[in-house]
Amino acid sequence: MATINLGRIKPVNKGVWSNSTAYAVDDFVQYTDNGITSTYIAIATSTNQAPSTSGTENSTYWKFMAKGVASELSGIGNNQIVLKNNSGNITGQSIGTAGQVLKVNSGANGYEFGTISSEIVKLAEVTTSSNASTLDMHGYFDDSAYYSYFLKASIVGVSTNAQSRMRWLTASNTPYTSSTHAWAHDYSYRHNNGNTQSQGHNFGSNLSDQMRFSDWSQMSGRTYELRAEFCNPTSSSAYKTNSLYCSNGNDGDSYHVSGSLVHTETRTNTAFTGLRIYLNSGYYLDGSVFKLYGWKK
């Protein structure tokens, strides 16, 4: 009985193409050309006949069985964020530097890393240590860049009953101690024993040599907040105004003062380049934090 050769019943997967392998018709291989991996099927016997070159198939010996495509992420490097640009192309945005954020660029047509613009800029921050009784912030004023300044302090406690006060510093870092500070003090209070409450106004009868956050003392071992707002400290042609706030104060345990506000005018044209916060006695407990901010023009 005659034998009929039907040939191969199905294609044979020969794996990754090799230049040393002899391939028969209907063998199929995987081959990477210019970074793109495709599957090819043999249409003629061959050895050392690459399936394609630069994306063009070797049509004498091979045909595409499954043509690969370039990965849209092939050009993305390490530490890049994948974005699609205005042309619809996938691109990579390189990471910025420490503290930067991803934001829309100035042309509003793409993204970039940069710093966030803010009207309020932190100029200085100091945390007390080693029983500090004074704290200086010097060299941070720039009236050409800032309308005004804002000091905020979180006091974890003081060593003894005392008042928090402030003085200007001159260019030589010397405290300004002339008695040219006119001030007025507004506050509300409650008498613990009598359960009475009221508010008070106190005007300094004489010009003072310093600015105070409250005309009442702050009790030792109690936390409180300080704030000060002022403008144009470096001016040599205007008086300096300052609003100082203290969250609480006490006179022994008889009175509790809530929200002392002291308005001060320093009646001098002296230019100041810094400030000193201090206690009239004792020291600030370690860990009290003082921050100075500028409001940008």
C-alpha atoms as a PDB file:
ATOM      1  CA  MET A   1       0.000   0.000   0.000  1.00  0.00           C
ATOM      2  CA  ALA A   2       1.355   3.368  -0.967  1.00  0.00           C
ATOM      3  CA  THR A   3       2.478   5.779   1.769  1.00  0.00           C
ATOM      4  CA  ILE A   4       1.388   9.420   1.456  1.00  0.00           C
ATOM      5  CA  ASN A   5       3.469  12.041   3.298  1.00  0.00           C
ATOM      6  CA  LEU A   6       1.037  14.628   4.645  1.00  0.00           C
ATOM      7  CA  GLY A   7       3.840  16.799   6.002  1.00  0.00           C
ATOM      8  CA  ARG A   8       3.594  18.450   9.380  1.00  0.00           C
ATOM      9  CA  ILE A   9       0.249  18.357  11.054  1.00  0.00           C
ATOM     10  CA  LYS A  10       0.987  21.527  13.077  1.00  0.00           C
ATOM     11  CA  PRO A  11       3.720  24.203  13.384  1.00  0.00           C
ATOM     12  CA  VAL A  12       6.564  23.542  15.800  1.00  0.00           C
ATOM     13  CA  ASN A  13       7.692  26.095  18.352  1.00  0.00           C
ATOM     14  CA  LYS A  14      11.482  26.262  18.189  1.00  0.00           C
ATOM     15  CA  GLY A  15      11.807  28.941  20.862  1.00  0.00           C
ATOM     16  CA  VAL A  16      14.194  31.869  20.508  1.00  0.00           C
ATOM     17  CA  TRP A  17      15.783  32.059  17.073  1.00  0.00           C
ATOM     18  CA  SER A  18      19.437  30.900  16.894  1.00  0.00           C
ATOM     19  CA  ASN A  19      21.861  31.426  14.027  1.00  0.00           C
ATOM     20  CA  SER A  20      23.170  27.862  14.430  1.00  0.00           C
ATOM     21  CA  THR A  21      19.842  26.049  14.202  1.00  0.00           C
ATOM     22  CA  ALA A  22      18.503  24.568  10.985  1.00  0.00           C
ATOM     23  CA  TYR A  23      14.851  25.519  10.558  1.00  0.00           C
ATOM     24  CA  ALA A  24      12.229  23.683   8.556  1.00  0.00           C
ATOM     25  CA  VAL A  25       9.036  24.979   7.023  1.00  0.00           C
ATOM     26  CA  ASP A  26       6.359  25.730   9.651  1.00  0.00           C
ATOM     27  CA  ASP A  27       8.871  26.097  12.461  1.00  0.00           C
ATOM     28  CA  PHE A  28       8.153  29.284  14.404  1.00  0.00           C
ATOM     29  CA  VAL A  29      10.522  31.303  16.547  1.00  0.00           C
ATOM     30  CA  GLN A  30      10.705  34.383  18.728  1.00  0.00           C
ATOM     31  CA  TYR A  31      13.134  37.049  17.634  1.00  0.00           C
ATOM     32  CA  THR A  32      13.924  40.530  18.997  1.00  0.00           C
ATOM     33  CA  ASP A  33      14.666  43.189  16.395  1.00  0.00           C
ATOM     34  CA  ASN A  34      15.469  46.750  17.527  1.00  0.00           C
ATOM     35  CA  GLY A  35      14.056  46.047  20.972  1.00  0.00           C
ATOM     36  CA  ILE A  36      10.761  44.661  19.634  1.00  0.00           C
ATOM     37  CA  THR A  37      10.059  40.946  20.082  1.00  0.00           C
ATOM     38  CA  SER A  38       7.895  39.242  17.433  1.00  0.00           C
ATOM     39  CA  THR A  39       6.980  35.681  16.457  1.00  0.00           C
ATOM     40  CA  TYR A  40       7.918  34.464  12.957  1.00  0.00           C
ATOM     41  CA  ILE A  41       6.988  31.312  11.024  1.00  0.00           C
ATOM     42  CA  ALA A  42       9.388  29.699   8.540  1.00  0.00           C
ATOM     43  CA  ILE A  43       8.251  29.524   4.889  1.00  0.00           C
ATOM     44  CA  ALA A  44      11.491  27.920   3.684  1.00  0.00           C
ATOM     45  CA  THR A  45      14.305  25.897   5.208  1.00  0.00           C
ATOM     46  CA  SER A  46      17.201  28.012   6.437  1.00  0.00           C
ATOM     47  CA  THR A  47      20.169  28.335   8.718  1.00  0.00           C
ATOM     48  CA  ASN A  48      21.544  31.666   9.928  1.00  0.00           C
ATOM     49  CA  GLN A  49      18.809  33.684   8.200  1.00  0.00           C
ATOM     50  CA  ALA A  50      17.585  36.291  10.699  1.00  0.00           C
ATOM     51  CA  PRO A  51      13.790  36.648  10.616  1.00  0.00           C
ATOM     52  CA  SER A  52      13.941  40.447  10.203  1.00  0.00           C
ATOM     53  CA  THR A  53      16.252  43.427  10.093  1.00  0.00           C
ATOM     54  CA  SER A  54      15.331  46.918  11.333  1.00  0.00           C
ATOM     55  CA  GLY A  55      11.684  45.887  11.449  1.00  0.00           C
ATOM     56  CA  THR A  56      11.554  44.491   7.890  1.00  0.00           C
ATOM     57  CA  GLU A  57      10.869  40.769   7.685  1.00  0.00           C
ATOM     58  CA  ASN A  58      13.199  38.412   5.776  1.00  0.00           C
ATOM     59  CA  SER A  59      10.362  37.446   3.402  1.00  0.00           C
ATOM     60  CA  THR A  60      12.365  34.732   1.592  1.00  0.00           C
ATOM     61  CA  TYR A  61      12.460  32.566   4.690  1.00  0.00           C
ATOM     62  CA  TRP A  62      10.114  34.040   7.319  1.00  0.00           C
ATOM     63  CA  LYS A  63       6.754  35.691   7.789  1.00  0.00           C
ATOM     64  CA  PHE A  64       5.401  37.524  10.791  1.00  0.00           C
ATOM     65  CA  MET A  65       3.186  35.225  12.815  1.00  0.00           C
ATOM     66  CA  ALA A  66       2.603  37.778  15.588  1.00  0.00           C
ATOM     67  CA  LYS A  67       4.228  41.154  15.176  1.00  0.00           C
ATOM     68  CA  GLY A  68       5.342  42.875  18.353  1.00  0.00           C
ATOM     69  CA  VAL A  69       5.000  46.572  19.086  1.00  0.00           C
ATOM     70  CA  ALA A  70       7.279  48.958  20.876  1.00  0.00           C
ATOM     71  CA  SER A  71       6.457  49.473  24.541  1.00  0.00           C
ATOM     72  CA  GLU A  72       5.214  52.979  25.286  1.00  0.00           C
ATOM     73  CA  LEU A  73       7.272  52.842  28.477  1.00  0.00           C
ATOM     74  CA  SER A  74      10.518  51.795  26.834  1.00  0.00           C
ATOM     75  CA  GLY A  75      11.975  55.297  27.093  1.00  0.00           C
ATOM     76  CA  ILE A  76      11.007  55.845  30.719  1.00  0.00           C
ATOM     77  CA  GLY A  77      14.005  55.951  33.040  1.00  0.00           C
ATOM     78  CA  ASN A  78      14.410  55.367  36.741  1.00  0.00           C
ATOM     79  CA  ASN A  79      12.736  57.856  39.108  1.00  0.00           C
ATOM     80  CA  GLN A  80      10.493  59.255  36.370  1.00  0.00           C
ATOM     81  CA  ILE A  81       6.743  59.838  36.452  1.00  0.00           C
ATOM     82  CA  VAL A  82       4.833  58.648  33.352  1.00  0.00           C
ATOM     83  CA  LEU A  83       2.860  61.431  31.626  1.00  0.00           C
ATOM     84  CA  LYS A  84       1.140  61.930  28.271  1.00  0.00           C
ATOM     85  CA  ASN A  85       2.091  65.215  26.604  1.00  0.00           C
ATOM     86  CA  ASN A  86      -0.034  67.511  24.420  1.00  0.00           C
ATOM     87  CA  SER A  87       0.917  65.461  21.356  1.00  0.00           C
ATOM     88  CA  GLY A  88      -0.472  62.319  22.937  1.00  0.00           C
ATOM     89  CA  ASN A  89       2.967  60.786  23.433  1.00  0.00           C
ATOM     90  CA  ILE A  90       4.069  59.006  26.573  1.00  0.00           C
ATOM     91  CA  THR A  91       6.937  60.840  28.270  1.00  0.00           C
ATOM     92  CA  GLY A  92       8.799  60.636  31.548  1.00  0.00           C
ATOM     93  CA  GLN A  93       9.100  63.547  33.978  1.00  0.00           C
ATOM     94  CA  SER A  94      12.307  63.310  35.970  1.00  0.00           C
ATOM     95  CA  ILE A  95      12.038  63.598  39.720  1.00  0.00           C
ATOM     96  CA  GLY A  96      12.847  66.953  41.303  1.00  0.00           C
ATOM     97  CA  THR A  97      14.974  67.816  44.299  1.00  0.00           C
ATOM     98  CA  ALA A  98      14.129  67.467  47.986  1.00  0.00           C
ATOM     99  CA  GLY A  99      11.106  69.503  49.017  1.00  0.00           C
ATOM    100  CA  GLN A 100       9.828  70.086  45.463  1.00  0.00           C
ATOM    101  CA  VAL A 101       6.366  69.052  44.253  1.00  0.00           C
ATOM    102  CA  LEU A 102       4.835  68.227  40.867  1.00  0.00           C
ATOM    103  CA  LYS A 103       3.001  71.254  39.465  1.00  0.00           C
ATOM    104  CA  VAL A 104       1.740  72.742  36.193  1.00  0.00           C
ATOM    105  CA  ASN A 105       4.446  74.681  34.346  1.00  0.00           C
ATOM    106  CA  SER A 106       4.294  78.405  33.574  1.00  0.00           C
ATOM    107  CA  GLY A 107       2.947  77.724  30.065  1.00  0.00           C
ATOM    108  CA  ALA A 108       0.085  75.630  31.475  1.00  0.00           C
ATOM    109  CA  ASN A 109       0.876  72.930  28.922  1.00  0.00           C
ATOM    110  CA  GLY A 110       2.831  70.423  30.938  1.00  0.00           C
ATOM    111  CA  TYR A 111       4.200  69.468  34.311  1.00  0.00           C
ATOM    112  CA  GLU A 112       7.391  70.159  36.205  1.00  0.00           C
ATOM    113  CA  PHE A 113       8.845  69.804  39.661  1.00  0.00           C
ATOM    114  CA  GLY A 114       9.279  72.981  41.657  1.00  0.00           C
ATOM    115  CA  THR A 115       8.647  74.736  44.941  1.00  0.00           C
ATOM    116  CA  ILE A 116       5.209  75.952  45.961  1.00  0.00           C
ATOM    117  CA  SER A 117       4.876  79.714  45.985  1.00  0.00           C
ATOM    118  CA  SER A 118       3.345  81.094  49.162  1.00  0.00           C
ATOM    119  CA  GLU A 119       2.470  84.554  50.413  1.00  0.00           C
ATOM    120  CA  ILE A 120       3.772  83.541  53.835  1.00  0.00           C
ATOM    121  CA  VAL A 121       7.451  82.535  54.132  1.00  0.00           C
ATOM    122  CA  LYS A 122       9.040  81.004  57.214  1.00  0.00           C
ATOM    123  CA  LEU A 123      12.202  82.986  57.875  1.00  0.00           C
ATOM    124  CA  ALA A 124      13.505  81.369  61.052  1.00  0.00           C
ATOM    125  CA  GLU A 125      12.733  78.694  63.626  1.00  0.00           C
ATOM    126  CA  VAL A 126      14.396  78.149  66.997  1.00  0.00           C
ATOM    127  CA  THR A 127      13.734  75.522  69.665  1.00  0.00           C
ATOM    128  CA  THR A 128      14.960  76.378  73.154  1.00  0.00           C
ATOM    129  CA  SER A 129      17.502  74.245  74.985  1.00  0.00           C
ATOM    130  CA  SER A 130      19.947  74.552  77.878  1.00  0.00           C
ATOM    131  CA  ASN A 131      17.675  76.754  80.026  1.00  0.00           C
ATOM    132  CA  ALA A 132      17.541  79.644  77.552  1.00  0.00           C
ATOM    133  CA  SER A 133      16.329  82.918  79.050  1.00  0.00           C
ATOM    134  CA  THR A 134      16.740  84.929  75.821  1.00  0.00           C
ATOM    135  CA  LEU A 135      16.212  84.099  72.172  1.00  0.00           C
ATOM    136  CA  ASP A 136      17.513  86.217  69.272  1.00  0.00           C
ATOM    137  CA  MET A 137      16.304  86.298  65.667  1.00  0.00           C
ATOM    138  CA  HIS A 138      18.668  88.569  63.787  1.00  0.00           C
ATOM    139  CA  GLY A 139      19.307  89.314  60.116  1.00  0.00           C
ATOM    140  CA  TYR A 140      15.983  88.038  58.737  1.00  0.00           C
ATOM    141  CA  PHE A 141      14.183  91.336  58.050  1.00  0.00           C
ATOM    142  CA  ASP A 142      13.904  92.509  54.437  1.00  0.00           C
ATOM    143  CA  ASP A 143      11.316  95.244  54.083  1.00  0.00           C
ATOM    144  CA  SER A 144      11.814  95.334  50.289  1.00  0.00           C
ATOM    145  CA  ALA A 145      10.470  91.770  50.113  1.00  0.00           C
ATOM    146  CA  TYR A 146       7.925  91.662  52.959  1.00  0.00           C
ATOM    147  CA  TYR A 147       4.972  93.853  53.930  1.00  0.00           C
ATOM    148  CA  SER A 148       5.016  92.680  57.524  1.00  0.00           C
ATOM    149  CA  TYR A 149       6.270  89.988  59.894  1.00  0.00           C
ATOM    150  CA  PHE A 150       4.632  87.503  62.229  1.00  0.00           C
ATOM    151  CA  LEU A 151       6.215  85.803  65.245  1.00  0.00           C
ATOM    152  CA  LYS A 152       4.578  82.752  66.796  1.00  0.00           C
ATOM    153  CA  ALA A 153       5.856  80.847  69.821  1.00  0.00           C
ATOM    154  CA  SER A 154       4.602  77.763  71.635  1.00  0.00           C
ATOM    155  CA  ILE A 155       5.942  77.876  75.178  1.00  0.00           C
ATOM    156  CA  VAL A 156       6.031  74.566  77.030  1.00  0.00           C
ATOM    157  CA  GLY A 157       6.663  76.343  80.320  1.00  0.00           C
ATOM    158  CA  VAL A 158       8.875  78.739  82.263  1.00  0.00           C
ATOM    159  CA  SER A 159      11.027  78.060  85.293  1.00  0.00           C
ATOM    160  CA  THR A 160       9.382  80.715  87.457  1.00  0.00           C
ATOM    161  CA  ASN A 161       6.518  83.207  87.290  1.00  0.00           C
ATOM    162  CA  ALA A 162       7.673  85.759  84.724  1.00  0.00           C
ATOM    163  CA  GLN A 163       6.709  88.038  81.837  1.00  0.00           C
ATOM    164  CA  SER A 164       7.693  87.365  78.236  1.00  0.00           C
ATOM    165  CA  ARG A 165       9.089  90.520  76.692  1.00  0.00           C
ATOM    166  CA  MET A 166      10.644  91.678  73.441  1.00  0.00           C
ATOM    167  CA  ARG A 167      13.284  94.161  72.350  1.00  0.00           C
ATOM    168  CA  TRP A 168      14.473  95.252  68.944  1.00  0.00           C
ATOM    169  CA  LEU A 169      18.032  94.472  67.850  1.00  0.00           C
ATOM    170  CA  THR A 170      20.202  96.922  65.935  1.00  0.00           C
ATOM    171  CA  ALA A 171      22.570  96.034  63.095  1.00  0.00           C
ATOM    172  CA  SER A 172      25.302  95.235  65.624  1.00  0.00           C
ATOM    173  CA  ASN A 173      22.955  92.714  67.315  1.00  0.00           C
ATOM    174  CA  THR A 174      22.630  95.080  70.275  1.00  0.00           C
ATOM    175  CA  PRO A 175      19.292  95.274  72.149  1.00  0.00           C
ATOM    176  CA  TYR A 176      17.521  98.627  71.881  1.00  0.00           C
ATOM    177  CA  THR A 177      16.887  99.720  75.495  1.00  0.00           C
ATOM    178  CA  SER A 178      15.844 103.360  75.161  1.00  0.00           C
ATOM    179  CA  SER A 179      12.590 104.241  76.927  1.00  0.00           C
ATOM    180  CA  THR A 180      10.639 105.077  73.772  1.00  0.00           C
ATOM    181  CA  HIS A 181       7.941 102.348  73.823  1.00  0.00           C
ATOM    182  CA  ALA A 182       4.374 103.610  74.318  1.00  0.00           C
ATOM    183  CA  TRP A 183       1.885 100.829  74.981  1.00  0.00           C
ATOM    184  CA  ALA A 184      -1.693  99.902  75.830  1.00  0.00           C
ATOM    185  CA  HIS A 185      -2.864  96.579  77.270  1.00  0.00           C
ATOM    186  CA  ASP A 186      -6.273  94.944  76.693  1.00  0.00           C
ATOM    187  CA  TYR A 187      -7.285  91.771  78.519  1.00  0.00           C
ATOM    188  CA  SER A 188     -10.139  89.788  80.046  1.00  0.00           C
ATOM    189  CA  TYR A 189      -9.894  87.947  83.357  1.00  0.00           C
ATOM    190  CA  ARG A 190     -11.737  85.815  85.858  1.00  0.00           C
ATOM    191  CA  HIS A 191     -11.320  85.783  89.643  1.00  0.00           C
ATOM    192  CA  ASN A 192     -11.279  82.144  90.735  1.00  0.00           C
ATOM    193  CA  ASN A 193     -12.505  82.603  94.305  1.00  0.00           C
ATOM    194  CA  GLY A 194     -15.268  85.075  93.630  1.00  0.00           C
ATOM    195  CA  ASN A 195     -16.241  83.548  90.290  1.00  0.00           C
ATOM    196  CA  THR A 196     -16.302  87.059  88.852  1.00  0.00           C
ATOM    197  CA  GLN A 197     -15.134  88.067  85.416  1.00  0.00           C
ATOM    198  CA  SER A 198     -14.347  91.300  83.677  1.00  0.00           C
ATOM    199  CA  GLN A 199     -12.038  92.928  81.206  1.00  0.00           C
ATOM    200  CA  GLY A 200      -9.398  95.558  81.648  1.00  0.00           C
ATOM    201  CA  HIS A 201      -7.480  98.256  79.856  1.00  0.00           C
ATOM    202  CA  ASN A 202      -4.099  99.390  80.985  1.00  0.00           C
ATOM    203  CA  PHE A 203      -2.107 102.264  79.503  1.00  0.00           C
ATOM    204  CA  GLY A 204       1.552 102.575  80.339  1.00  0.00           C
ATOM    205  CA  SER A 205       1.933 105.789  82.334  1.00  0.00           C
ATOM    206  CA  ASN A 206       5.527 106.159  81.173  1.00  0.00           C
ATOM    207  CA  LEU A 207       7.465 105.165  78.087  1.00  0.00           C
ATOM    208  CA  SER A 208       8.987 101.727  78.576  1.00  0.00           C
ATOM    209  CA  ASP A 209      12.412 100.367  77.599  1.00  0.00           C
ATOM    210  CA  GLN A 210      10.878  97.132  76.224  1.00  0.00           C
ATOM    211  CA  MET A 211       7.752  95.598  74.687  1.00  0.00           C
ATOM    212  CA  ARG A 212       5.726  93.090  76.700  1.00  0.00           C
ATOM    213  CA  PHE A 213       3.355  90.373  75.528  1.00  0.00           C
ATOM    214  CA  SER A 214       1.204  90.860  78.629  1.00  0.00           C
ATOM    215  CA  ASP A 215       1.261  93.088  81.674  1.00  0.00           C
ATOM    216  CA  TRP A 216       0.466  89.944  83.706  1.00  0.00           C
ATOM    217  CA  SER A 217       2.964  87.228  84.538  1.00  0.00           C
ATOM    218  CA  GLN A 218       2.839  83.741  83.092  1.00  0.00           C
ATOM    219  CA  MET A 219       2.844  81.023  85.740  1.00  0.00           C
ATOM    220  CA  SER A 220       5.613  78.440  85.863  1.00  0.00           C
ATOM    221  CA  GLY A 221       4.767  74.967  84.602  1.00  0.00           C
ATOM    222  CA  ARG A 222       1.959  76.158  82.309  1.00  0.00           C
ATOM    223  CA  THR A 223       1.944  76.179  78.526  1.00  0.00           C
ATOM    224  CA  TYR A 224       0.980  79.281  76.559  1.00  0.00           C
ATOM    225  CA  GLU A 225       1.226  80.925  73.148  1.00  0.00           C
ATOM    226  CA  LEU A 226       2.955  84.145  72.107  1.00  0.00           C
ATOM    227  CA  ARG A 227       2.387  86.141  68.942  1.00  0.00           C
ATOM    228  CA  ALA A 228       3.699  89.402  67.566  1.00  0.00           C
ATOM    229  CA  GLU A 229       2.861  91.268  64.357  1.00  0.00           C
ATOM    230  CA  PHE A 230       4.857  94.235  63.080  1.00  0.00           C
ATOM    231  CA  CYS A 231       5.916  95.994  59.874  1.00  0.00           C
ATOM    232  CA  ASN A 232       8.777  98.079  58.482  1.00  0.00           C
ATOM    233  CA  PRO A 233      11.309  97.339  61.247  1.00  0.00           C
ATOM    234  CA  THR A 234      14.241  98.401  59.050  1.00  0.00           C
ATOM    235  CA  SER A 235      12.755 101.825  58.268  1.00  0.00           C
ATOM    236  CA  SER A 236      14.880 104.799  59.273  1.00  0.00           C
ATOM    237  CA  SER A 237      12.060 107.299  58.725  1.00  0.00           C
ATOM    238  CA  ALA A 238       9.091 105.924  60.674  1.00  0.00           C
ATOM    239  CA  TYR A 239       8.042 104.803  64.138  1.00  0.00           C
ATOM    240  CA  LYS A 240       7.564 101.037  64.634  1.00  0.00           C
ATOM    241  CA  THR A 241       4.177  99.589  65.636  1.00  0.00           C
ATOM    242  CA  ASN A 242       3.785  96.137  67.122  1.00  0.00           C
ATOM    243  CA  SER A 243       0.833  94.071  68.340  1.00  0.00           C
ATOM    244  CA  LEU A 244       1.786  91.430  70.899  1.00  0.00           C
ATOM    245  CA  TYR A 245      -0.471  88.664  72.172  1.00  0.00           C
ATOM    246  CA  CYS A 246      -0.205  86.178  75.041  1.00  0.00           C
ATOM    247  CA  SER A 247      -2.774  83.402  75.384  1.00  0.00           C
ATOM    248  CA  ASN A 248      -2.948  83.528  79.178  1.00  0.00           C
ATOM    249  CA  GLY A 249      -1.482  84.851  82.390  1.00  0.00           C
ATOM    250  CA  ASN A 250      -2.039  84.612  86.117  1.00  0.00           C
ATOM    251  CA  ASP A 251      -1.620  86.556  89.321  1.00  0.00           C
ATOM    252  CA  GLY A 252      -0.917  83.669  91.678  1.00  0.00           C
ATOM    253  CA  ASP A 253      -4.016  81.499  91.419  1.00  0.00           C
ATOM    254  CA  SER A 254      -6.447  84.338  92.092  1.00  0.00           C
ATOM    255  CA  TYR A 255      -6.895  85.572  88.542  1.00  0.00           C
ATOM    256  CA  HIS A 256      -6.845  83.828  85.208  1.00  0.00           C
ATOM    257  CA  VAL A 257      -6.171  86.123  82.262  1.00  0.00           C
ATOM    258  CA  SER A 258      -7.298  85.035  78.825  1.00  0.00           C
ATOM    259  CA  GLY A 259      -6.051  86.695  75.672  1.00  0.00           C
ATOM    260  CA  SER A 260      -3.810  89.598  76.617  1.00  0.00           C
ATOM    261  CA  LEU A 261      -3.187  91.992  73.716  1.00  0.00           C
ATOM    262  CA  VAL A 262      -0.582  94.747  73.979  1.00  0.00           C
ATOM    263  CA  HIS A 263      -0.286  97.444  71.302  1.00  0.00           C
ATOM    264  CA  THR A 264       3.109  99.120  71.236  1.00  0.00           C
ATOM    265  CA  GLU A 265       4.607 102.025  69.337  1.00  0.00           C
ATOM    266  CA  THR A 266       8.382 102.414  69.391  1.00  0.00           C
ATOM    267  CA  ARG A 267       8.897 106.141  68.972  1.00  0.00           C
ATOM    268  CA  THR A 268      12.162 106.191  67.103  1.00  0.00           C
ATOM    269  CA  ASN A 269      13.320 106.222  63.492  1.00  0.00           C
ATOM    270  CA  THR A 270      16.118 103.787  64.304  1.00  0.00           C
ATOM    271  CA  ALA A 271      16.395 100.933  61.795  1.00  0.00           C
ATOM    272  CA  PHE A 272      16.215  97.483  63.401  1.00  0.00           C
ATOM    273  CA  THR A 273      17.474  94.214  61.921  1.00  0.00           C
ATOM    274  CA  GLY A 274      16.293  91.684  64.495  1.00  0.00           C
ATOM    275  CA  LEU A 275      14.442  91.023  67.710  1.00  0.00           C
ATOM    276  CA  ARG A 276      15.062  89.449  71.105  1.00  0.00           C
ATOM    277  CA  ILE A 277      12.440  87.564  73.125  1.00  0.00           C
ATOM    278  CA  TYR A 278      13.286  87.175  76.794  1.00  0.00           C
ATOM    279  CA  LEU A 279      11.909  86.678  80.301  1.00  0.00           C
ATOM    280  CA  ASN A 280      12.257  89.261  83.025  1.00  0.00           C
ATOM    281  CA  SER A 281      13.317  86.374  85.289  1.00  0.00           C
ATOM    282  CA  GLY A 282      13.995  82.636  84.970  1.00  0.00           C
ATOM    283  CA  TYR A 283      14.184  80.751  81.677  1.00  0.00           C
ATOM    284  CA  TYR A 284      12.074  78.975  79.077  1.00  0.00           C
ATOM    285  CA  LEU A 285      11.733  75.236  79.506  1.00  0.00           C
ATOM    286  CA  ASP A 286      13.529  73.228  76.822  1.00  0.00           C
ATOM    287  CA  GLY A 287      11.421  72.470  73.763  1.00  0.00           C
ATOM    288  CA  SER A 288       9.673  75.824  73.426  1.00  0.00           C
ATOM    289  CA  VAL A 289       9.443  76.680  69.714  1.00  0.00           C
ATOM    290  CA  PHE A 290       9.716  80.163  68.166  1.00  0.00           C
ATOM    291  CA  LYS A 291       8.981  80.796  64.475  1.00  0.00           C
ATOM    292  CA  LEU A 292       9.314  83.978  62.424  1.00  0.00           C
ATOM    293  CA  TYR A 293       7.359  84.492  59.177  1.00  0.00           C
ATOM    294  CA  GLY A 294       7.328  87.168  56.493  1.00  0.00           C
ATOM    295  CA  TRP A 295       4.301  88.249  54.423  1.00  0.00           C
ATOM    296  CA  LYS A 296       5.560  88.665  50.853  1.00  0.00           C
ATOM    297  CA  LYS A 297       4.894  91.780  48.797  1.00  0.00           C
END
